[in-house]
């Protein structure tokens, strides 16, 4: 179990860092083939299930022109069985254009699935605690 907890923390850290490094292939590698997503707090849109490729393409379209920094911590891992888990984590997401910035302080709930002995993210729910700045610089924010 301790090894699984560490592996789950590593895949979530990779998820966050992939945004900052604009490592879009690395981001896609964090996921199962399809992903449940709920960004309704940030976007005002209903939850949906998308392919990993669609998820990444939407992030490229809305974030690639910005400087990004995702800081993740406070991992609370619950391993349901040998192939499924959840992890609640705190995250601060900084987005910066040349003139403006937009920051979200959030709690993420990740669903994870173990495939071929590797943990992958199969679901993401973002709960926004508060936002600061100019949301219009992020094409996906309401």
Protein backbone atom coordinates (compact mmCIF):
# COMPACT_ATOMS: atom_id res chain seq x y z
CA UNK A 1 0.00 0.00 0.00
CA UNK A 2 2.77 2.45 0.84
CA UNK A 3 4.33 1.92 -2.61
CA UNK A 4 0.94 2.54 -4.26
CA UNK A 5 0.46 5.74 -2.27
CA UNK A 6 3.84 7.03 -3.41
CA UNK A 7 3.13 6.09 -7.04
CA UNK A 8 -0.23 7.92 -6.89
CA UNK A 9 1.45 11.03 -5.50
CA UNK A 10 4.04 10.85 -8.29
CA UNK A 11 1.45 10.62 -11.10
CA UNK A 12 -0.45 13.61 -9.68
CA UNK A 13 2.78 15.60 -9.36
CA UNK A 14 3.57 14.67 -12.98
CA UNK A 15 0.08 15.87 -13.99
CA UNK A 16 0.76 19.27 -12.38
CA UNK A 17 4.33 19.68 -13.66
CA UNK A 18 3.38 18.66 -17.21
CA UNK A 19 1.23 21.80 -17.47
CA UNK A 20 4.07 24.02 -16.27
CA UNK A 21 6.62 22.49 -18.65
CA UNK A 22 4.07 22.43 -21.52
CA UNK A 23 4.87 18.72 -21.76
CA UNK A 24 1.59 17.83 -23.43
CA UNK A 25 2.68 14.26 -24.27
CA UNK A 26 3.71 13.76 -20.65
CA UNK A 27 0.32 15.07 -19.54
CA UNK A 28 -1.51 12.65 -21.82
CA UNK A 29 0.58 9.76 -20.42
CA UNK A 30 -0.87 10.48 -16.94
CA UNK A 31 -4.36 9.35 -18.03
CA UNK A 32 -6.44 6.34 -18.83
CA UNK A 33 -7.88 6.35 -22.35
CA UNK A 34 -11.01 8.23 -21.23
CA UNK A 35 -11.32 10.62 -18.29
CA UNK A 36 -14.29 11.82 -16.26
CA UNK A 37 -13.89 15.59 -15.76
CA UNK A 38 -15.78 18.04 -13.59
CA UNK A 39 -14.55 21.62 -13.89
CA UNK A 40 -18.01 23.10 -13.27
CA UNK A 41 -16.73 25.39 -10.47
CA UNK A 42 -14.25 27.05 -12.84
CA UNK A 43 -16.11 26.87 -16.15
CA UNK A 44 -19.79 26.63 -15.29
CA UNK A 45 -20.10 23.63 -17.60
CA UNK A 46 -21.49 20.19 -16.70
CA UNK A 47 -19.19 17.22 -15.99
CA UNK A 48 -18.21 15.16 -19.00
CA UNK A 49 -16.17 12.18 -20.07
CA UNK A 50 -13.54 12.86 -22.73
CA UNK A 51 -10.61 11.02 -24.25
CA UNK A 52 -7.15 11.76 -22.90
CA UNK A 53 -6.27 13.30 -26.29
CA UNK A 54 -9.34 15.61 -26.20
CA UNK A 55 -8.50 16.67 -22.63
CA UNK A 56 -4.94 17.59 -23.58
CA UNK A 57 -5.97 19.40 -26.77
CA UNK A 58 -8.42 21.58 -24.80
CA UNK A 59 -5.59 22.50 -22.39
CA UNK A 60 -3.26 23.35 -25.27
CA UNK A 61 -5.94 25.58 -26.83
CA UNK A 62 -6.70 27.45 -23.59
CA UNK A 63 -3.33 27.54 -21.80
CA UNK A 64 -0.41 27.17 -24.19
CA UNK A 65 0.05 30.95 -24.59
CA UNK A 66 0.28 31.49 -20.81
CA UNK A 67 3.01 31.00 -18.24
CA UNK A 68 1.79 28.40 -15.75
CA UNK A 69 2.63 27.11 -12.30
CA UNK A 70 0.68 24.33 -10.58
CA UNK A 71 1.65 23.69 -6.97
CA UNK A 72 0.09 20.52 -5.50
CA UNK A 73 0.20 19.25 -1.90
CA UNK A 74 -1.81 17.79 0.99
CA UNK A 75 -2.32 14.42 -0.69
CA UNK A 76 -5.03 12.31 0.93
CA UNK A 77 -4.89 8.92 -0.78
CA UNK A 78 -7.59 6.28 -0.33
CA UNK A 79 -6.82 2.99 -2.03
CA UNK A 80 -10.21 1.35 -2.60
CA UNK A 81 -8.86 -1.96 -3.92
CA UNK A 82 -5.81 -3.22 -5.79
CA UNK A 83 -6.82 -1.38 -8.99
CA UNK A 84 -8.69 1.76 -7.90
CA UNK A 85 -8.05 4.72 -5.65
CA UNK A 86 -8.96 8.32 -4.99
CA UNK A 87 -6.72 11.18 -3.99
CA UNK A 88 -7.79 14.55 -2.67
CA UNK A 89 -5.10 17.21 -3.05
CA UNK A 90 -4.79 20.96 -2.64
CA UNK A 91 -3.58 22.94 -5.64
CA UNK A 92 -2.79 26.53 -6.49
CA UNK A 93 -2.78 27.24 -10.22
CA UNK A 94 -1.08 30.41 -11.43
CA UNK A 95 -1.70 31.55 -15.00
CA UNK A 96 0.14 34.60 -16.34
CA UNK A 97 0.01 36.54 -19.59
CA UNK A 98 2.35 39.43 -20.36
CA UNK A 99 0.07 41.93 -18.58
CA UNK A 100 -2.35 39.99 -16.36
CA UNK A 101 -2.67 36.95 -14.18
CA UNK A 102 -5.38 34.59 -12.97
CA UNK A 103 -4.92 32.30 -9.97
CA UNK A 104 -7.16 29.52 -8.70
CA UNK A 105 -6.96 28.04 -5.21
CA UNK A 106 -8.59 24.60 -5.39
CA UNK A 107 -9.14 21.14 -4.07
CA UNK A 108 -8.81 18.39 -6.68
CA UNK A 109 -10.36 14.95 -6.31
CA UNK A 110 -8.61 12.47 -8.58
CA UNK A 111 -9.91 9.02 -9.44
CA UNK A 112 -7.12 6.61 -10.30
CA UNK A 113 -7.00 3.23 -11.98
CA UNK A 114 -4.12 0.78 -11.98
CA UNK A 115 -3.32 -0.48 -15.48
CA UNK A 116 -0.41 -2.84 -16.19
CA UNK A 117 0.99 -2.13 -12.71
CA UNK A 118 0.93 1.67 -13.30
CA UNK A 119 -1.48 4.14 -11.71
CA UNK A 120 -3.28 6.44 -14.18
CA UNK A 121 -5.74 9.28 -13.63
CA UNK A 122 -9.25 8.27 -14.71
CA UNK A 123 -11.19 11.17 -13.22
CA UNK A 124 -10.66 14.79 -12.17
CA UNK A 125 -12.99 16.98 -10.13
CA UNK A 126 -11.87 20.51 -9.35
CA UNK A 127 -13.48 22.40 -6.47
CA UNK A 128 -12.51 26.07 -6.55
CA UNK A 129 -12.06 27.67 -3.13
CA UNK A 130 -11.49 31.11 -4.68
CA UNK A 131 -10.06 32.79 -7.77
CA UNK A 132 -7.99 35.95 -8.07
CA UNK A 133 -7.18 38.10 -11.06
CA UNK A 134 -8.42 38.34 -14.63
CA UNK A 135 -10.27 35.16 -15.59
CA UNK A 136 -10.52 36.18 -19.25
CA UNK A 137 -6.84 35.30 -19.86
CA UNK A 138 -7.84 31.62 -19.41
CA UNK A 139 -10.10 30.72 -22.30
CA UNK A 140 -11.75 27.93 -20.25
CA UNK A 141 -12.75 30.03 -17.21
CA UNK A 142 -16.16 31.65 -16.72
